[in-house]
Amino acid sequence: MPIRYEIDAEVGLILVELSGPVSAAEIFDYYATLAADASVRPGLAVLADCRGVTSGPSFLDVYGLATSKPQLPVHLRPNRAAVIVKRGWLFGIVRQFAALADRGGVRVMPFVEPGEARQWLLRPVESVTPARPENEQL
């Protein structure tokens, strides 16, 4: 499976690792698995490591992922996610997803450096501003 996750309840993160070719169907399957996981609780954020992804969904699929009715109950949905990528095509796709997800109340930010992504997530929600991270330049 190209998507694996674990929940670090102590830190308050869902740690996700994606690798190889990843399709929209596999991401929807991940959402369904997460929705059925009894460990998911309110207030968790997502730290997704996508540095191993070799191909991903098309823009139309990204649009569907970001705008579809989420399978997680409202009170369990993460309100922010940091996505670690290599520079290039996937960085752009994550930015597109972020713009769409923001409309639904989920703040998504792409990062190249894992430490920056983790720091951004661990800040209190009130201090997370819409400012772009320093590493956003391609």
Protein backbone atom coordinates (compact mmCIF):
# COMPACT_ATOMS: atom_id res chain seq x y z
CA MET A 1 0.00 0.00 0.00
CA PRO A 2 1.47 3.36 -0.96
CA ILE A 3 -0.11 5.11 2.06
CA ARG A 4 0.74 4.18 5.64
CA TYR A 5 -0.11 6.11 8.78
CA GLU A 6 0.27 6.03 12.53
CA ILE A 7 -1.22 8.23 15.19
CA ASP A 8 1.03 9.92 17.74
CA ALA A 9 -1.62 10.83 20.31
CA GLU A 10 0.94 12.28 22.71
CA VAL A 11 2.05 14.89 20.17
CA GLY A 12 -1.36 15.17 18.48
CA LEU A 13 -0.31 14.15 14.97
CA ILE A 14 -1.38 11.71 12.31
CA LEU A 15 1.91 10.74 10.68
CA VAL A 16 1.36 9.68 7.08
CA GLU A 17 3.88 8.30 4.60
CA LEU A 18 3.05 8.11 0.91
CA SER A 19 5.32 6.41 -1.62
CA GLY A 20 5.41 5.28 -5.22
CA PRO A 21 2.50 6.02 -7.53
CA VAL A 22 -0.47 7.29 -5.50
CA SER A 23 -3.95 7.50 -6.99
CA ALA A 24 -7.00 9.45 -5.87
CA ALA A 25 -8.75 6.13 -5.14
CA GLU A 26 -5.95 5.15 -2.74
CA ILE A 27 -6.23 8.50 -0.98
CA PHE A 28 -9.99 8.03 -0.61
CA ASP A 29 -9.32 4.53 0.78
CA TYR A 30 -6.91 6.10 3.30
CA TYR A 31 -9.64 8.58 4.32
CA ALA A 32 -12.09 5.69 4.84
CA THR A 33 -9.55 3.72 6.90
CA LEU A 34 -8.84 6.78 9.02
CA ALA A 35 -12.56 7.35 9.55
CA ALA A 36 -12.89 3.82 10.95
CA ASP A 37 -9.85 4.11 13.24
CA ALA A 38 -10.90 4.42 16.90
CA SER A 39 -7.61 6.20 17.68
CA VAL A 40 -8.64 9.29 15.70
CA ARG A 41 -9.73 12.06 18.05
CA PRO A 42 -10.51 15.77 17.76
CA GLY A 43 -7.59 18.17 17.42
CA LEU A 44 -5.16 15.94 15.54
CA ALA A 45 -3.12 17.52 12.74
CA VAL A 46 -1.59 15.70 9.76
CA LEU A 47 2.10 15.45 8.89
CA ALA A 48 2.30 13.79 5.47
CA ASP A 49 5.67 12.77 4.04
CA CYS A 50 5.32 12.62 0.26
CA ARG A 51 9.01 12.65 -0.65
CA GLY A 52 8.73 9.07 -1.96
CA VAL A 53 5.78 9.74 -4.27
CA THR A 54 6.63 9.08 -7.93
CA SER A 55 3.30 10.01 -9.49
CA GLY A 56 0.04 11.36 -8.19
CA PRO A 57 -3.51 12.34 -9.00
CA SER A 58 -4.37 14.68 -11.87
CA PHE A 59 -5.59 18.20 -11.16
CA LEU A 60 -9.20 17.04 -11.62
CA ASP A 61 -8.60 14.29 -9.06
CA VAL A 62 -6.97 16.78 -6.68
CA TYR A 63 -10.03 19.00 -7.06
CA GLY A 64 -12.25 16.02 -6.20
CA LEU A 65 -10.13 15.13 -3.17
CA ALA A 66 -10.21 18.67 -1.82
CA THR A 67 -13.87 19.41 -2.46
CA SER A 68 -15.58 16.07 -1.85
CA LYS A 69 -17.61 15.48 1.26
CA PRO A 70 -15.02 14.21 3.76
CA GLN A 71 -15.62 10.79 5.25
CA LEU A 72 -14.45 11.85 8.70
CA PRO A 73 -17.11 13.31 10.99
CA VAL A 74 -16.79 17.09 11.30
CA HIS A 75 -15.52 16.98 14.89
CA LEU A 76 -12.67 14.62 13.90
CA ARG A 77 -11.44 16.39 10.76
CA PRO A 78 -7.93 17.82 11.00
CA ASN A 79 -7.85 21.60 10.71
CA ARG A 80 -4.34 21.68 9.28
CA ALA A 81 -1.86 19.51 7.47
CA ALA A 82 1.81 19.89 6.60
CA VAL A 83 2.89 18.04 3.47
CA ILE A 84 6.59 17.33 2.97
CA VAL A 85 7.59 17.15 -0.69
CA LYS A 86 10.61 17.48 -2.89
CA ARG A 87 10.73 20.64 -4.96
CA GLY A 88 8.98 20.37 -8.31
CA TRP A 89 5.73 19.01 -9.66
CA LEU A 90 4.36 17.65 -6.38
CA PHE A 91 4.97 20.94 -4.61
CA GLY A 92 2.67 22.58 -7.18
CA ILE A 93 0.00 19.91 -6.79
CA VAL A 94 0.01 20.32 -3.00
CA ARG A 95 -0.35 24.10 -3.41
CA GLN A 96 -3.37 23.54 -5.67
CA PHE A 97 -4.86 21.15 -3.12
CA ALA A 98 -4.13 23.66 -0.34
CA ALA A 99 -6.00 26.44 -2.12
CA LEU A 100 -9.03 24.20 -2.53
CA ALA A 101 -8.89 22.69 0.96
CA ASP A 102 -8.66 26.14 2.55
CA ARG A 103 -12.20 26.83 1.33
CA GLY A 104 -13.35 23.87 3.44
CA GLY A 105 -11.57 25.10 6.56
CA VAL A 106 -8.46 22.91 6.36
CA ARG A 107 -5.12 24.74 6.29
CA VAL A 108 -2.63 22.78 4.16
CA MET A 109 0.98 23.87 3.62
CA PRO A 110 3.69 22.28 1.49
CA PHE A 111 7.20 22.08 2.95
CA VAL A 112 10.54 20.84 1.68
CA GLU A 113 12.17 20.59 5.12
CA PRO A 114 10.58 18.08 7.54
CA GLY A 115 11.66 20.09 10.60
CA GLU A 116 9.89 23.21 9.36
CA ALA A 117 6.73 21.21 8.66
CA ARG A 118 6.70 19.72 12.15
CA GLN A 119 7.37 23.10 13.81
CA TRP A 120 4.50 24.68 11.86
CA LEU A 121 2.12 21.95 13.01
CA LEU A 122 3.19 22.05 16.63
CA ARG A 123 2.55 25.77 17.01
CA PRO A 124 -0.77 26.64 18.63
CA VAL A 125 -3.52 26.96 16.01
CA GLU A 126 -4.00 30.66 16.82
CA SER A 127 -0.40 31.42 15.83
CA VAL A 128 -0.56 29.69 12.44
CA THR A 129 -0.85 32.49 9.94
CA PRO A 130 -1.55 32.24 6.23
CA ALA A 131 1.96 33.55 5.49
CA ARG A 132 3.94 31.37 3.10
CA PRO A 133 6.87 29.41 4.47
CA GLU A 134 10.34 30.56 3.48
CA ASN A 135 10.93 27.42 1.43
CA GLU A 136 7.97 28.00 -0.87
CA GLN A 137 10.06 29.27 -3.78
CA LEU A 138 10.63 26.67 -6.46
